[in-house]
Amino acid sequence: MAGIQAGKVTKAELVDSIYERIGMERYEIKRVAELFCDEIKSALIHGKTIELRGFGTFEIRLRKGRHGARNPKTGEKVDVPMHGVAAFKAGKEIKEALWNYKGEE
């Protein structure tokens, strides 16, 4: 991606990269990105799956509860109830593109 370096990518860097490619105002790009993320979050909160063809799928997965888990800060034993987590499943194009990824060299 133009303008994005290796490592973590922030929303601001994504906005800058899109700005360089299409020249739309940065504040407009940022607003669209925020609305897009809000829509994904809202759909997940309402139990829906989001399918972005050619990219991947965001879905909710249930994580089993556990008895006797430990709080990492205090070491105290706690029970963790069954709960939902957000998950991303990469689409075919991303899977194929990353198949031979070896990490940073």
PDB file of N, CA and C in Angstrom:
ATOM      1  N   MET A   1       0.836  -1.188   0.000  1.00  0.00           N
ATOM      2  CA  MET A   1       0.000   0.000   0.000  1.00  0.00           C
ATOM      3  C   MET A   1       0.873   1.241   0.000  1.00  0.00           C
ATOM      4  N   ALA A   2       0.503   2.179  -0.756  1.00  0.00           N
ATOM      5  CA  ALA A   2       1.273   3.411  -0.817  1.00  0.00           C
ATOM      6  C   ALA A   2       1.184   4.128   0.521  1.00  0.00           C
ATOM      7  N   GLY A   3       2.334   4.535   1.035  1.00  0.00           N
ATOM      8  CA  GLY A   3       2.351   5.339   2.253  1.00  0.00           C
ATOM      9  C   GLY A   3       2.234   4.546   3.541  1.00  0.00           C
ATOM     10  N   ILE A   4       2.113   3.222   3.471  1.00  0.00           N
ATOM     11  CA  ILE A   4       1.994   2.423   4.681  1.00  0.00           C
ATOM     12  C   ILE A   4       3.241   1.576   4.821  1.00  0.00           C
ATOM     13  N   GLN A   5       3.869   1.655   6.000  1.00  0.00           N
ATOM     14  CA  GLN A   5       5.095   0.913   6.249  1.00  0.00           C
ATOM     15  C   GLN A   5       4.788  -0.384   6.975  1.00  0.00           C
ATOM     16  N   ALA A   6       5.792  -1.256   7.052  1.00  0.00           N
ATOM     17  CA  ALA A   6       5.639  -2.553   7.715  1.00  0.00           C
ATOM     18  C   ALA A   6       5.275  -2.369   9.190  1.00  0.00           C
ATOM     19  N   GLY A   7       4.623  -3.358   9.761  1.00  0.00           N
ATOM     20  CA  GLY A   7       4.226  -3.315  11.161  1.00  0.00           C
ATOM     21  C   GLY A   7       2.753  -3.004  11.295  1.00  0.00           C
ATOM     22  N   LYS A   8       2.388  -2.381  12.400  1.00  0.00           N
ATOM     23  CA  LYS A   8       1.003  -2.026  12.669  1.00  0.00           C
ATOM     24  C   LYS A   8       0.550  -0.883  11.772  1.00  0.00           C
ATOM     25  N   VAL A   9      -0.691  -0.937  11.325  1.00  0.00           N
ATOM     26  CA  VAL A   9      -1.266   0.118  10.495  1.00  0.00           C
ATOM     27  C   VAL A   9      -2.415   0.755  11.266  1.00  0.00           C
ATOM     28  N   THR A  10      -2.388   2.064  11.394  1.00  0.00           N
ATOM     29  CA  THR A  10      -3.445   2.777  12.109  1.00  0.00           C
ATOM     30  C   THR A  10      -4.517   3.261  11.137  1.00  0.00           C
ATOM     31  N   LYS A  11      -5.649   3.645  11.710  1.00  0.00           N
ATOM     32  CA  LYS A  11      -6.724   4.206  10.889  1.00  0.00           C
ATOM     33  C   LYS A  11      -6.236   5.468  10.169  1.00  0.00           C
ATOM     34  N   ALA A  12      -5.451   6.291  10.855  1.00  0.00           N
ATOM     35  CA  ALA A  12      -4.926   7.515  10.245  1.00  0.00           C
ATOM     36  C   ALA A  12      -4.046   7.184   9.036  1.00  0.00           C
ATOM     37  N   GLU A  13      -3.250   6.124   9.126  1.00  0.00           N
ATOM     38  CA  GLU A  13      -2.404   5.726   7.998  1.00  0.00           C
ATOM     39  C   GLU A  13      -3.243   5.213   6.829  1.00  0.00           C
ATOM     40  N   LEU A  14      -4.310   4.493   7.142  1.00  0.00           N
ATOM     41  CA  LEU A  14      -5.211   4.046   6.080  1.00  0.00           C
ATOM     42  C   LEU A  14      -5.853   5.242   5.382  1.00  0.00           C
ATOM     43  N   VAL A  15      -6.292   6.204   6.175  1.00  0.00           N
ATOM     44  CA  VAL A  15      -6.905   7.419   5.619  1.00  0.00           C
ATOM     45  C   VAL A  15      -5.906   8.133   4.713  1.00  0.00           C
ATOM     46  N   ASP A  16      -4.665   8.273   5.171  1.00  0.00           N
ATOM     47  CA  ASP A  16      -3.634   8.936   4.360  1.00  0.00           C
ATOM     48  C   ASP A  16      -3.369   8.180   3.062  1.00  0.00           C
ATOM     49  N   SER A  17      -3.324   6.866   3.128  1.00  0.00           N
ATOM     50  CA  SER A  17      -3.078   6.062   1.935  1.00  0.00           C
ATOM     51  C   SER A  17      -4.201   6.227   0.917  1.00  0.00           C
ATOM     52  N   ILE A  18      -5.443   6.225   1.397  1.00  0.00           N
ATOM     53  CA  ILE A  18      -6.593   6.416   0.504  1.00  0.00           C
ATOM     54  C   ILE A  18      -6.562   7.830  -0.077  1.00  0.00           C
ATOM     55  N   TYR A  19      -6.222   8.805   0.754  1.00  0.00           N
ATOM     56  CA  TYR A  19      -6.129  10.194   0.296  1.00  0.00           C
ATOM     57  C   TYR A  19      -5.134  10.326  -0.865  1.00  0.00           C
ATOM     58  N   GLU A  20      -3.979   9.671  -0.714  1.00  0.00           N
ATOM     59  CA  GLU A  20      -2.953   9.727  -1.761  1.00  0.00           C
ATOM     60  C   GLU A  20      -3.438   9.094  -3.068  1.00  0.00           C
ATOM     61  N   ARG A  21      -4.326   8.112  -2.954  1.00  0.00           N
ATOM     62  CA  ARG A  21      -4.780   7.398  -4.147  1.00  0.00           C
ATOM     63  C   ARG A  21      -5.950   8.078  -4.848  1.00  0.00           C
ATOM     64  N   ILE A  22      -6.866   8.701  -4.077  1.00  0.00           N
ATOM     65  CA  ILE A  22      -8.049   9.266  -4.730  1.00  0.00           C
ATOM     66  C   ILE A  22      -8.204  10.768  -4.550  1.00  0.00           C
ATOM     67  N   GLY A  23      -7.470  11.362  -3.619  1.00  0.00           N
ATOM     68  CA  GLY A  23      -7.508  12.811  -3.473  1.00  0.00           C
ATOM     69  C   GLY A  23      -8.755  13.377  -2.822  1.00  0.00           C
ATOM     70  N   MET A  24      -9.636  12.535  -2.311  1.00  0.00           N
ATOM     71  CA  MET A  24     -10.811  13.003  -1.577  1.00  0.00           C
ATOM     72  C   MET A  24     -10.319  13.676  -0.291  1.00  0.00           C
ATOM     73  N   GLU A  25     -11.095  14.572   0.289  1.00  0.00           N
ATOM     74  CA  GLU A  25     -10.673  15.245   1.522  1.00  0.00           C
ATOM     75  C   GLU A  25     -10.456  14.228   2.645  1.00  0.00           C
ATOM     76  N   ARG A  26      -9.391  14.458   3.421  1.00  0.00           N
ATOM     77  CA  ARG A  26      -9.056  13.520   4.507  1.00  0.00           C
ATOM     78  C   ARG A  26     -10.216  13.366   5.498  1.00  0.00           C
ATOM     79  N   TYR A  27     -10.858  14.478   5.869  1.00  0.00           N
ATOM     80  CA  TYR A  27     -11.940  14.400   6.851  1.00  0.00           C
ATOM     81  C   TYR A  27     -13.102  13.564   6.326  1.00  0.00           C
ATOM     82  N   GLU A  28     -13.341  13.607   5.007  1.00  0.00           N
ATOM     83  CA  GLU A  28     -14.412  12.791   4.421  1.00  0.00           C
ATOM     84  C   GLU A  28     -14.041  11.307   4.453  1.00  0.00           C
ATOM     85  N   ILE A  29     -12.800  11.012   4.112  1.00  0.00           N
ATOM     86  CA  ILE A  29     -12.332   9.621   4.147  1.00  0.00           C
ATOM     87  C   ILE A  29     -12.407   9.082   5.573  1.00  0.00           C
ATOM     88  N   LYS A  30     -11.957   9.902   6.532  1.00  0.00           N
ATOM     89  CA  LYS A  30     -11.991   9.482   7.937  1.00  0.00           C
ATOM     90  C   LYS A  30     -13.429   9.211   8.378  1.00  0.00           C
ATOM     91  N   ARG A  31     -14.336  10.060   7.987  1.00  0.00           N
ATOM     92  CA  ARG A  31     -15.748   9.896   8.364  1.00  0.00           C
ATOM     93  C   ARG A  31     -16.324   8.614   7.772  1.00  0.00           C
ATOM     94  N   VAL A  32     -16.027   8.351   6.502  1.00  0.00           N
ATOM     95  CA  VAL A  32     -16.503   7.117   5.868  1.00  0.00           C
ATOM     96  C   VAL A  32     -15.914   5.901   6.579  1.00  0.00           C
ATOM     97  N   ALA A  33     -14.623   5.942   6.900  1.00  0.00           N
ATOM     98  CA  ALA A  33     -13.978   4.819   7.598  1.00  0.00           C
ATOM     99  C   ALA A  33     -14.631   4.593   8.962  1.00  0.00           C
ATOM    100  N   GLU A  34     -14.907   5.679   9.684  1.00  0.00           N
ATOM    101  CA  GLU A  34     -15.544   5.557  10.999  1.00  0.00           C
ATOM    102  C   GLU A  34     -16.956   4.995  10.875  1.00  0.00           C
ATOM    103  N   LEU A  35     -17.717   5.471   9.894  1.00  0.00           N
ATOM    104  CA  LEU A  35     -19.075   4.952   9.689  1.00  0.00           C
ATOM    105  C   LEU A  35     -19.055   3.475   9.296  1.00  0.00           C
ATOM    106  N   PHE A  36     -18.099   3.102   8.452  1.00  0.00           N
ATOM    107  CA  PHE A  36     -17.950   1.709   8.039  1.00  0.00           C
ATOM    108  C   PHE A  36     -17.684   0.819   9.260  1.00  0.00           C
ATOM    109  N   CYS A  37     -16.751   1.234  10.097  1.00  0.00           N
ATOM    110  CA  CYS A  37     -16.443   0.466  11.316  1.00  0.00           C
ATOM    111  C   CYS A  37     -17.648   0.425  12.261  1.00  0.00           C
ATOM    112  N   ASP A  38     -18.359   1.539  12.393  1.00  0.00           N
ATOM    113  CA  ASP A  38     -19.556   1.578  13.246  1.00  0.00           C
ATOM    114  C   ASP A  38     -20.620   0.608  12.749  1.00  0.00           C
ATOM    115  N   GLU A  39     -20.787   0.523  11.432  1.00  0.00           N
ATOM    116  CA  GLU A  39     -21.778  -0.396  10.859  1.00  0.00           C
ATOM    117  C   GLU A  39     -21.406  -1.846  11.125  1.00  0.00           C
ATOM    118  N   ILE A  40     -20.131  -2.172  11.001  1.00  0.00           N
ATOM    119  CA  ILE A  40     -19.681  -3.541  11.299  1.00  0.00           C
ATOM    120  C   ILE A  40     -19.916  -3.846  12.767  1.00  0.00           C
ATOM    121  N   LYS A  41     -19.539  -2.910  13.645  1.00  0.00           N
ATOM    122  CA  LYS A  41     -19.725  -3.106  15.081  1.00  0.00           C
ATOM    123  C   LYS A  41     -21.201  -3.293  15.421  1.00  0.00           C
ATOM    124  N   SER A  42     -22.058  -2.462  14.859  1.00  0.00           N
ATOM    125  CA  SER A  42     -23.487  -2.533  15.126  1.00  0.00           C
ATOM    126  C   SER A  42     -24.071  -3.870  14.662  1.00  0.00           C
ATOM    127  N   ALA A  43     -23.687  -4.299  13.477  1.00  0.00           N
ATOM    128  CA  ALA A  43     -24.189  -5.575  12.963  1.00  0.00           C
ATOM    129  C   ALA A  43     -23.776  -6.726  13.877  1.00  0.00           C
ATOM    130  N   LEU A  44     -22.518  -6.738  14.323  1.00  0.00           N
ATOM    131  CA  LEU A  44     -22.053  -7.796  15.229  1.00  0.00           C
ATOM    132  C   LEU A  44     -22.818  -7.767  16.550  1.00  0.00           C
ATOM    133  N   ILE A  45     -23.004  -6.562  17.099  1.00  0.00           N
ATOM    134  CA  ILE A  45     -23.726  -6.430  18.370  1.00  0.00           C
ATOM    135  C   ILE A  45     -25.143  -6.975  18.239  1.00  0.00           C
ATOM    136  N   HIS A  46     -25.732  -6.863  17.040  1.00  0.00           N
ATOM    137  CA  HIS A  46     -27.086  -7.355  16.805  1.00  0.00           C
ATOM    138  C   HIS A  46     -27.105  -8.796  16.288  1.00  0.00           C
ATOM    139  N   GLY A  47     -25.977  -9.499  16.430  1.00  0.00           N
ATOM    140  CA  GLY A  47     -25.929 -10.921  16.112  1.00  0.00           C
ATOM    141  C   GLY A  47     -25.814 -11.258  14.632  1.00  0.00           C
ATOM    142  N   LYS A  48     -25.440 -10.301  13.817  1.00  0.00           N
ATOM    143  CA  LYS A  48     -25.354 -10.542  12.380  1.00  0.00           C
ATOM    144  C   LYS A  48     -23.924 -10.853  11.957  1.00  0.00           C
ATOM    145  N   THR A  49     -23.797 -11.530  10.822  1.00  0.00           N
ATOM    146  CA  THR A  49     -22.511 -11.812  10.198  1.00  0.00           C
ATOM    147  C   THR A  49     -22.333 -10.828   9.048  1.00  0.00           C
ATOM    148  N   ILE A  50     -21.123 -10.310   8.884  1.00  0.00           N
ATOM    149  CA  ILE A  50     -20.846  -9.354   7.820  1.00  0.00           C
ATOM    150  C   ILE A  50     -19.948 -10.034   6.800  1.00  0.00           C
ATOM    151  N   GLU A  51     -20.431 -10.169   5.576  1.00  0.00           N
ATOM    152  CA  GLU A  51     -19.658 -10.800   4.517  1.00  0.00           C
ATOM    153  C   GLU A  51     -19.227  -9.736   3.515  1.00  0.00           C
ATOM    154  N   LEU A  52     -17.924  -9.591   3.363  1.00  0.00           N
ATOM    155  CA  LEU A  52     -17.359  -8.661   2.389  1.00  0.00           C
ATOM    156  C   LEU A  52     -16.669  -9.514   1.326  1.00  0.00           C
ATOM    157  N   ARG A  53     -17.383  -9.766   0.243  1.00  0.00           N
ATOM    158  CA  ARG A  53     -16.865 -10.650  -0.802  1.00  0.00           C
ATOM    159  C   ARG A  53     -15.501 -10.189  -1.296  1.00  0.00           C
ATOM    160  N   GLY A  54     -14.606 -11.148  -1.452  1.00  0.00           N
ATOM    161  CA  GLY A  54     -13.253 -10.856  -1.889  1.00  0.00           C
ATOM    162  C   GLY A  54     -12.351 -10.392  -0.757  1.00  0.00           C
ATOM    163  N   PHE A  55     -12.903 -10.227   0.443  1.00  0.00           N
ATOM    164  CA  PHE A  55     -12.109  -9.778   1.589  1.00  0.00           C
ATOM    165  C   PHE A  55     -12.202 -10.769   2.732  1.00  0.00           C
ATOM    166  N   GLY A  56     -13.406 -10.945   3.271  1.00  0.00           N
ATOM    167  CA  GLY A  56     -13.567 -11.875   4.377  1.00  0.00           C
ATOM    168  C   GLY A  56     -14.892 -11.672   5.083  1.00  0.00           C
ATOM    169  N   THR A  57     -15.023 -12.374   6.208  1.00  0.00           N
ATOM    170  CA  THR A  57     -16.268 -12.372   6.961  1.00  0.00           C
ATOM    171  C   THR A  57     -15.998 -12.070   8.432  1.00  0.00           C
ATOM    172  N   PHE A  58     -16.773 -11.142   8.971  1.00  0.00           N
ATOM    173  CA  PHE A  58     -16.762 -10.874  10.407  1.00  0.00           C
ATOM    174  C   PHE A  58     -17.948 -11.622  11.001  1.00  0.00           C
ATOM    175  N   GLU A  59     -17.705 -12.334  12.084  1.00  0.00           N
ATOM    176  CA  GLU A  59     -18.785 -13.096  12.705  1.00  0.00           C
ATOM    177  C   GLU A  59     -18.580 -13.168  14.208  1.00  0.00           C
ATOM    178  N   ILE A  60     -19.618 -13.635  14.887  1.00  0.00           N
ATOM    179  CA  ILE A  60     -19.544 -13.836  16.331  1.00  0.00           C
ATOM    180  C   ILE A  60     -19.288 -15.314  16.571  1.00  0.00           C
ATOM    181  N   ARG A  61     -18.346 -15.603  17.445  1.00  0.00           N
ATOM    182  CA  ARG A  61     -18.101 -16.985  17.864  1.00  0.00           C
ATOM    183  C   ARG A  61     -18.291 -17.052  19.368  1.00  0.00           C
ATOM    184  N   LEU A  62     -18.894 -18.142  19.806  1.00  0.00           N
ATOM    185  CA  LEU A  62     -19.089 -18.327  21.240  1.00  0.00           C
ATOM    186  C   LEU A  62     -17.862 -18.985  21.835  1.00  0.00           C
ATOM    187  N   ARG A  63     -17.381 -18.421  22.915  1.00  0.00           N
ATOM    188  CA  ARG A  63     -16.259 -18.968  23.644  1.00  0.00           C
ATOM    189  C   ARG A  63     -16.799 -19.650  24.889  1.00  0.00           C
ATOM    190  N   LYS A  64     -16.351 -20.867  25.134  1.00  0.00           N
ATOM    191  CA  LYS A  64     -16.807 -21.621  26.298  1.00  0.00           C
ATOM    192  C   LYS A  64     -16.427 -20.893  27.586  1.00  0.00           C
ATOM    193  N   GLY A  65     -17.269 -21.042  28.591  1.00  0.00           N
ATOM    194  CA  GLY A  65     -16.939 -20.511  29.900  1.00  0.00           C
ATOM    195  C   GLY A  65     -15.899 -21.404  30.566  1.00  0.00           C
ATOM    196  N   ARG A  66     -15.247 -20.881  31.595  1.00  0.00           N
ATOM    197  CA  ARG A  66     -14.234 -21.656  32.315  1.00  0.00           C
ATOM    198  C   ARG A  66     -14.381 -21.436  33.804  1.00  0.00           C
ATOM    199  N   HIS A  67     -14.177 -22.508  34.543  1.00  0.00           N
ATOM    200  CA  HIS A  67     -14.146 -22.413  36.005  1.00  0.00           C
ATOM    201  C   HIS A  67     -12.682 -22.407  36.428  1.00  0.00           C
ATOM    202  N   GLY A  68     -12.358 -21.573  37.367  1.00  0.00           N
ATOM    203  CA  GLY A  68     -11.008 -21.575  37.912  1.00  0.00           C
ATOM    204  C   GLY A  68      -9.972 -20.881  37.045  1.00  0.00           C
ATOM    205  N   ALA A  69     -10.398 -20.014  36.168  1.00  0.00           N
ATOM    206  CA  ALA A  69      -9.425 -19.208  35.411  1.00  0.00           C
ATOM    207  C   ALA A  69      -8.768 -18.239  36.393  1.00  0.00           C
ATOM    208  N   ARG A  70      -7.661 -17.682  36.018  1.00  0.00           N
ATOM    209  CA  ARG A  70      -6.971 -16.750  36.913  1.00  0.00           C
ATOM    210  C   ARG A  70      -6.937 -15.344  36.322  1.00  0.00           C
ATOM    211  N   ASN A  71      -7.188 -14.369  37.191  1.00  0.00           N
ATOM    212  CA  ASN A  71      -7.027 -12.972  36.821  1.00  0.00           C
ATOM    213  C   ASN A  71      -5.519 -12.729  36.694  1.00  0.00           C
ATOM    214  N   PRO A  72      -5.022 -12.329  35.511  1.00  0.00           N
ATOM    215  CA  PRO A  72      -3.577 -12.174  35.343  1.00  0.00           C
ATOM    216  C   PRO A  72      -2.952 -11.077  36.210  1.00  0.00           C
ATOM    217  N   LYS A  73      -3.745 -10.091  36.604  1.00  0.00           N
ATOM    218  CA  LYS A  73      -3.200  -9.013  37.436  1.00  0.00           C
ATOM    219  C   LYS A  73      -3.071  -9.422  38.900  1.00  0.00           C
ATOM    220  N   THR A  74      -4.095 -10.122  39.414  1.00  0.00           N
ATOM    221  CA  THR A  74      -4.121 -10.426  40.848  1.00  0.00           C
ATOM    222  C   THR A  74      -3.826 -11.883  41.157  1.00  0.00           C
ATOM    223  N   GLY A  75      -3.945 -12.760  40.161  1.00  0.00           N
ATOM    224  CA  GLY A  75      -3.754 -14.185  40.406  1.00  0.00           C
ATOM    225  C   GLY A  75      -4.977 -14.845  41.023  1.00  0.00           C
ATOM    226  N   GLU A  76      -6.020 -14.057  41.292  1.00  0.00           N
ATOM    227  CA  GLU A  76      -7.242 -14.559  41.910  1.00  0.00           C
ATOM    228  C   GLU A  76      -7.981 -15.493  40.947  1.00  0.00           C
ATOM    229  N   LYS A  77      -8.538 -16.587  41.478  1.00  0.00           N
ATOM    230  CA  LYS A  77      -9.336 -17.491  40.659  1.00  0.00           C
ATOM    231  C   LYS A  77     -10.702 -16.862  40.394  1.00  0.00           C
ATOM    232  N   VAL A  78     -11.124 -16.926  39.129  1.00  0.00           N
ATOM    233  CA  VAL A  78     -12.419 -16.374  38.748  1.00  0.00           C
ATOM    234  C   VAL A  78     -13.111 -17.336  37.788  1.00  0.00           C
ATOM    235  N   ASP A  79     -14.435 -17.262  37.743  1.00  0.00           N
ATOM    236  CA  ASP A  79     -15.197 -18.020  36.761  1.00  0.00           C
ATOM    237  C   ASP A  79     -15.481 -17.099  35.584  1.00  0.00           C
ATOM    238  N   VAL A  80     -15.275 -17.612  34.389  1.00  0.00           N
ATOM    239  CA  VAL A  80     -15.529 -16.836  33.177  1.00  0.00           C
ATOM    240  C   VAL A  80     -16.729 -17.467  32.477  1.00  0.00           C
ATOM    241  N   PRO A  81     -17.831 -16.731  32.326  1.00  0.00           N
ATOM    242  CA  PRO A  81     -19.013 -17.307  31.685  1.00  0.00           C
ATOM    243  C   PRO A  81     -18.819 -17.450  30.171  1.00  0.00           C
ATOM    244  N   MET A  82     -19.663 -18.277  29.548  1.00  0.00           N
ATOM    245  CA  MET A  82     -19.649 -18.374  28.094  1.00  0.00           C
ATOM    246  C   MET A  82     -19.945 -16.972  27.547  1.00  0.00           C
ATOM    247  N   HIS A  83     -19.234 -16.593  26.475  1.00  0.00           N
ATOM    248  CA  HIS A  83     -19.412 -15.245  25.934  1.00  0.00           C
ATOM    249  C   HIS A  83     -19.061 -15.218  24.450  1.00  0.00           C
ATOM    250  N   GLY A  84     -19.536 -14.188  23.782  1.00  0.00           N
ATOM    251  CA  GLY A  84     -19.260 -14.017  22.364  1.00  0.00           C
ATOM    252  C   GLY A  84     -17.979 -13.233  22.141  1.00  0.00           C
ATOM    253  N   VAL A  85     -17.304 -13.550  21.048  1.00  0.00           N
ATOM    254  CA  VAL A  85     -16.126 -12.794  20.631  1.00  0.00           C
ATOM    255  C   VAL A  85     -16.253 -12.502  19.143  1.00  0.00           C
ATOM    256  N   ALA A  86     -15.687 -11.392  18.707  1.00  0.00           N
ATOM    257  CA  ALA A  86     -15.677 -11.056  17.286  1.00  0.00           C
ATOM    258  C   ALA A  86     -14.558 -11.845  16.616  1.00  0.00           C
ATOM    259  N   ALA A  87     -14.851 -12.400  15.451  1.00  0.00           N
ATOM    260  CA  ALA A  87     -13.858 -13.178  14.719  1.00  0.00           C
ATOM    261  C   ALA A  87     -13.864 -12.742  13.257  1.00  0.00           C
ATOM    262  N   PHE A  88     -12.709 -12.842  12.633  1.00  0.00           N
ATOM    263  CA  PHE A  88     -12.581 -12.528  11.217  1.00  0.00           C
ATOM    264  C   PHE A  88     -12.071 -13.767  10.502  1.00  0.00           C
ATOM    265  N   LYS A  89     -12.753 -14.127   9.428  1.00  0.00           N
ATOM    266  CA  LYS A  89     -12.338 -15.242   8.596  1.00  0.00           C
ATOM    267  C   LYS A  89     -11.957 -14.666   7.239  1.00  0.00           C
ATOM    268  N   ALA A  90     -10.692 -14.795   6.885  1.00  0.00           N
ATOM    269  CA  ALA A  90     -10.201 -14.216   5.636  1.00  0.00           C
ATOM    270  C   ALA A  90     -10.842 -14.906   4.442  1.00  0.00           C
ATOM    271  N   GLY A  91     -11.107 -14.112   3.404  1.00  0.00           N
ATOM    272  CA  GLY A  91     -11.645 -14.631   2.158  1.00  0.00           C
ATOM    273  C   GLY A  91     -10.560 -15.310   1.333  1.00  0.00           C
ATOM    274  N   LYS A  92     -10.984 -15.972   0.276  1.00  0.00           N
ATOM    275  CA  LYS A  92     -10.098 -16.753  -0.581  1.00  0.00           C
ATOM    276  C   LYS A  92      -8.930 -15.916  -1.114  1.00  0.00           C
ATOM    277  N   GLU A  93      -9.214 -14.699  -1.581  1.00  0.00           N
ATOM    278  CA  GLU A  93      -8.157 -13.860  -2.161  1.00  0.00           C
ATOM    279  C   GLU A  93      -7.067 -13.536  -1.143  1.00  0.00           C
ATOM    280  N   ILE A  94      -7.462 -13.215   0.077  1.00  0.00           N
ATOM    281  CA  ILE A  94      -6.475 -12.901   1.117  1.00  0.00           C
ATOM    282  C   ILE A  94      -5.713 -14.161   1.502  1.00  0.00           C
ATOM    283  N   LYS A  95      -6.424 -15.280   1.678  1.00  0.00           N
ATOM    284  CA  LYS A  95      -5.757 -16.532   2.025  1.00  0.00           C
ATOM    285  C   LYS A  95      -4.690 -16.883   1.003  1.00  0.00           C
ATOM    286  N   GLU A  96      -5.040 -16.778  -0.274  1.00  0.00           N
ATOM    287  CA  GLU A  96      -4.077 -17.102  -1.335  1.00  0.00           C
ATOM    288  C   GLU A  96      -2.902 -16.131  -1.343  1.00  0.00           C
ATOM    289  N   ALA A  97      -3.188 -14.854  -1.130  1.00  0.00           N
ATOM    290  CA  ALA A  97      -2.127 -13.849  -1.144  1.00  0.00           C
ATOM    291  C   ALA A  97      -1.149 -14.039   0.014  1.00  0.00           C
ATOM    292  N   LEU A  98      -1.640 -14.547   1.144  1.00  0.00           N
ATOM    293  CA  LEU A  98      -0.797 -14.708   2.335  1.00  0.00           C
ATOM    294  C   LEU A  98      -0.204 -16.102   2.478  1.00  0.00           C
ATOM    295  N   TRP A  99      -0.553 -17.009   1.590  1.00  0.00           N
ATOM    296  CA  TRP A  99      -0.148 -18.410   1.729  1.00  0.00           C
ATOM    297  C   TRP A  99       1.359 -18.560   1.922  1.00  0.00           C
ATOM    298  N   ASN A 100       2.157 -17.816   1.194  1.00  0.00           N
ATOM    299  CA  ASN A 100       3.615 -17.950   1.273  1.00  0.00           C
ATOM    300  C   ASN A 100       4.280 -16.859   2.104  1.00  0.00           C
ATOM    301  N   TYR A 101       3.501 -16.174   2.937  1.00  0.00           N
ATOM    302  CA  TYR A 101       4.041 -15.105   3.785  1.00  0.00           C
ATOM    303  C   TYR A 101       5.043 -15.698   4.770  1.00  0.00           C
ATOM    304  N   LYS A 102       6.206 -15.101   4.858  1.00  0.00           N
ATOM    305  CA  LYS A 102       7.266 -15.593   5.746  1.00  0.00           C
ATOM    306  C   LYS A 102       7.602 -14.615   6.854  1.00  0.00           C
ATOM    307  N   GLY A 103       6.852 -13.558   6.974  1.00  0.00           N
ATOM    308  CA  GLY A 103       7.146 -12.553   7.984  1.00  0.00           C
ATOM    309  C   GLY A 103       8.142 -11.547   7.452  1.00  0.00           C
ATOM    310  N   GLU A 104       8.534 -10.628   8.315  1.00  0.00           N
ATOM    311  CA  GLU A 104       9.475  -9.587   7.888  1.00  0.00           C
ATOM    312  C   GLU A 104      10.864 -10.182   7.777  1.00  0.00           C
ATOM    313  N   GLU A 105      11.550  -9.802   6.736  1.00  0.00           N
ATOM    314  CA  GLU A 105      12.890 -10.358   6.496  1.00  0.00           C
ATOM    315  C   GLU A 105      13.956  -9.338   6.664  1.00  0.00           C
TER     316      GLU A 105
END
